[in-house]
Amino acid sequence: MAPDRLKLKTLNDNPYFRTRGMKDGVVASMADRPEMQAIAQKAWPFFNLVVAMKMVENMVIKKDYRFVLLHNVSNVPFITGDQPVINTLWDENQDKIEVFYPLSPISALMVCFNPGERYSEENVDETSVNAKNTSIAKEACLHIFANGEQVLKDLLN
């Protein structure tokens, strides 16, 4: 894999696994093994890096993903939160993944696991931006961030 592509994947996956929400979820999944919970709590900084790099490795080997740069052409900016990278297709009954990572109020990165051009760009409208913002807000552990107070008021109402 080209070094630039590996850097991009690492940039994308490390924020996904480093957050409190991810840590809490992993620790909670070990409820039947308190000794493992204690280890996960103490070793989280190392553990999340290993898991993120394993995801990078799996995606590099499989090569069944594509990057889509999203251009926000609406008047509603993208928001972000303390869980800045989310899986927009996550469902407890499925193993589907589509990673969304807002980069700025007007651009975001999607990593999709479906056929298509490996690198592409798409314009997104207000409906799509609102859906992504709602997902970011729902996945946030404590904080969401926007480039204006009214954006957050509109989202939370």
Protein backbone atom coordinates (compact mmCIF):
# COMPACT_ATOMS: atom_id res chain seq x y z
CA MET A 1 0.00 0.00 0.00
CA ALA A 2 1.21 3.48 -0.81
CA PRO A 3 2.40 5.39 2.29
CA ASP A 4 -0.11 8.23 1.68
CA ARG A 5 -3.05 5.79 1.58
CA LEU A 6 -1.84 4.13 4.80
CA LYS A 7 -1.59 7.55 6.48
CA LEU A 8 -5.14 8.38 5.36
CA LYS A 9 -6.49 5.09 6.71
CA THR A 10 -4.67 5.60 10.01
CA LEU A 11 -6.03 9.14 10.24
CA ASN A 12 -9.53 7.77 9.71
CA ASP A 13 -9.43 4.75 12.03
CA ASN A 14 -7.54 6.07 15.05
CA PRO A 15 -10.22 8.66 15.96
CA TYR A 16 -12.90 5.99 15.58
CA PHE A 17 -11.41 3.82 18.32
CA ARG A 18 -9.85 6.38 20.67
CA THR A 19 -13.06 7.84 22.12
CA ARG A 20 -14.72 7.35 25.49
CA GLY A 21 -17.83 5.93 23.84
CA MET A 22 -15.83 3.21 22.11
CA LYS A 23 -13.91 2.43 25.31
CA ASP A 24 -17.12 2.25 27.36
CA GLY A 25 -18.71 -0.06 24.78
CA VAL A 26 -15.76 -2.43 24.70
CA VAL A 27 -15.49 -2.52 28.50
CA ALA A 28 -19.25 -3.08 28.86
CA SER A 29 -19.06 -6.01 26.44
CA MET A 30 -16.81 -7.75 28.98
CA ALA A 31 -19.35 -7.57 31.82
CA ASP A 32 -19.20 -11.31 32.40
CA ARG A 33 -15.40 -11.14 32.87
CA PRO A 34 -14.52 -8.47 35.46
CA GLU A 35 -10.81 -9.30 35.29
CA MET A 36 -10.84 -8.53 31.55
CA GLN A 37 -12.73 -5.29 32.18
CA ALA A 38 -9.98 -4.18 34.58
CA ILE A 39 -7.29 -4.97 32.00
CA ALA A 40 -9.20 -3.17 29.23
CA GLN A 41 -9.61 -0.09 31.44
CA LYS A 42 -5.89 0.09 32.21
CA ALA A 43 -4.62 -0.85 28.77
CA TRP A 44 -7.07 1.17 26.66
CA PRO A 45 -4.49 3.59 25.16
CA PHE A 46 -2.53 0.62 23.78
CA PHE A 47 -5.57 -1.54 22.99
CA ASN A 48 -7.36 1.10 20.90
CA LEU A 49 -4.24 1.70 18.81
CA VAL A 50 -3.85 -2.02 18.13
CA VAL A 51 -7.50 -2.40 17.13
CA ALA A 52 -7.35 0.67 14.87
CA MET A 53 -4.20 -0.57 13.15
CA LYS A 54 -5.74 -4.03 12.70
CA MET A 55 -8.72 -2.42 10.99
CA VAL A 56 -6.32 -0.50 8.74
CA GLU A 57 -4.48 -3.73 7.91
CA ASN A 58 -7.70 -5.61 7.12
CA MET A 59 -8.91 -2.87 4.81
CA VAL A 60 -5.55 -2.68 3.05
CA ILE A 61 -5.52 -6.43 2.43
CA LYS A 62 -9.16 -6.71 1.35
CA LYS A 63 -9.14 -3.61 -0.83
CA ASP A 64 -12.93 -3.75 -1.01
CA TYR A 65 -13.45 -0.20 0.17
CA ARG A 66 -13.59 3.20 -1.44
CA PHE A 67 -13.04 6.76 -0.30
CA VAL A 68 -15.62 9.40 -1.11
CA LEU A 69 -14.93 13.07 -0.44
CA LEU A 70 -18.25 14.73 0.34
CA HIS A 71 -18.80 18.38 -0.57
CA ASN A 72 -21.55 20.04 1.45
CA VAL A 73 -23.50 22.23 -0.99
CA SER A 74 -26.24 23.08 1.51
CA ASN A 75 -26.57 25.97 3.95
CA VAL A 76 -26.36 23.54 6.89
CA PRO A 77 -22.77 22.85 8.01
CA PHE A 78 -21.47 19.45 9.03
CA ILE A 79 -21.03 19.12 12.79
CA THR A 80 -18.67 16.90 14.73
CA GLY A 81 -18.53 15.46 18.22
CA ASP A 82 -16.42 13.64 20.74
CA GLN A 83 -16.99 10.53 18.60
CA PRO A 84 -15.94 12.19 15.33
CA VAL A 85 -15.89 9.03 13.22
CA ILE A 86 -19.11 7.03 12.99
CA ASN A 87 -20.46 4.02 11.18
CA THR A 88 -23.59 5.34 9.45
CA LEU A 89 -24.86 1.82 8.70
CA TRP A 90 -24.41 0.36 12.15
CA ASP A 91 -27.28 -1.81 13.25
CA GLU A 92 -27.20 -4.45 15.96
CA ASN A 93 -28.46 -7.03 13.46
CA GLN A 94 -25.95 -6.32 10.71
CA ASP A 95 -22.23 -6.18 10.11
CA LYS A 96 -22.34 -3.41 7.53
CA ILE A 97 -19.86 -0.55 7.70
CA GLU A 98 -19.86 2.90 6.11
CA VAL A 99 -17.51 5.23 7.96
CA PHE A 100 -18.31 8.96 8.06
CA TYR A 101 -15.74 11.51 9.20
CA PRO A 102 -16.57 15.24 9.06
CA LEU A 103 -13.46 17.21 8.15
CA SER A 104 -14.90 20.73 8.18
CA PRO A 105 -18.34 22.40 7.97
CA ILE A 106 -18.24 21.93 4.18
CA SER A 107 -16.41 18.63 3.66
CA ALA A 108 -16.39 15.10 5.00
CA LEU A 109 -14.83 11.75 4.19
CA MET A 110 -16.80 8.55 3.70
CA VAL A 111 -15.21 5.12 3.59
CA CYS A 112 -17.64 2.77 1.86
CA PHE A 113 -17.52 -0.99 1.51
CA ASN A 114 -19.37 -1.41 -1.75
CA PRO A 115 -18.49 -1.48 -5.41
CA GLY A 116 -17.57 1.74 -7.11
CA GLU A 117 -14.73 4.03 -7.99
CA ARG A 118 -11.92 3.73 -5.43
CA TYR A 119 -11.62 7.53 -5.02
CA SER A 120 -14.50 9.82 -5.84
CA GLU A 121 -16.22 13.04 -4.84
CA GLU A 122 -19.92 13.73 -4.29
CA ASN A 123 -22.03 16.77 -3.52
CA VAL A 124 -24.43 16.32 -0.61
CA ASP A 125 -27.63 18.24 -0.04
CA GLU A 126 -29.33 19.48 3.12
CA THR A 127 -31.24 16.22 3.66
CA SER A 128 -28.03 14.20 3.63
CA VAL A 129 -26.18 16.70 5.83
CA ASN A 130 -29.01 16.69 8.39
CA ALA A 131 -29.00 12.88 8.45
CA LYS A 132 -25.23 12.75 9.02
CA ASN A 133 -25.43 15.47 11.69
CA THR A 134 -28.19 13.59 13.49
CA SER A 135 -26.02 10.46 13.49
CA ILE A 136 -23.01 12.38 14.81
CA ALA A 137 -25.15 13.87 17.61
CA LYS A 138 -26.63 10.48 18.48
CA GLU A 139 -23.20 8.80 18.67
CA ALA A 140 -21.58 11.58 20.73
CA CYS A 141 -20.76 10.65 24.29
CA LEU A 142 -20.88 14.16 25.81
CA HIS A 143 -20.09 16.87 23.25
CA ILE A 144 -21.08 18.00 19.78
CA PHE A 145 -19.47 20.92 17.98
CA ALA A 146 -20.58 23.24 15.18
CA ASN A 147 -19.44 26.47 13.62
CA GLY A 148 -22.45 28.32 15.04
CA GLU A 149 -24.82 28.13 17.98
CA GLN A 150 -27.94 28.15 15.78
CA VAL A 151 -26.81 24.98 14.03
CA LEU A 152 -26.84 23.12 17.34
CA LYS A 153 -30.17 24.65 18.40
CA ASP A 154 -31.78 23.56 15.12
CA LEU A 155 -30.34 20.06 15.47
CA LEU A 156 -31.46 19.59 19.05
CA ASN A 157 -35.00 20.88 18.53
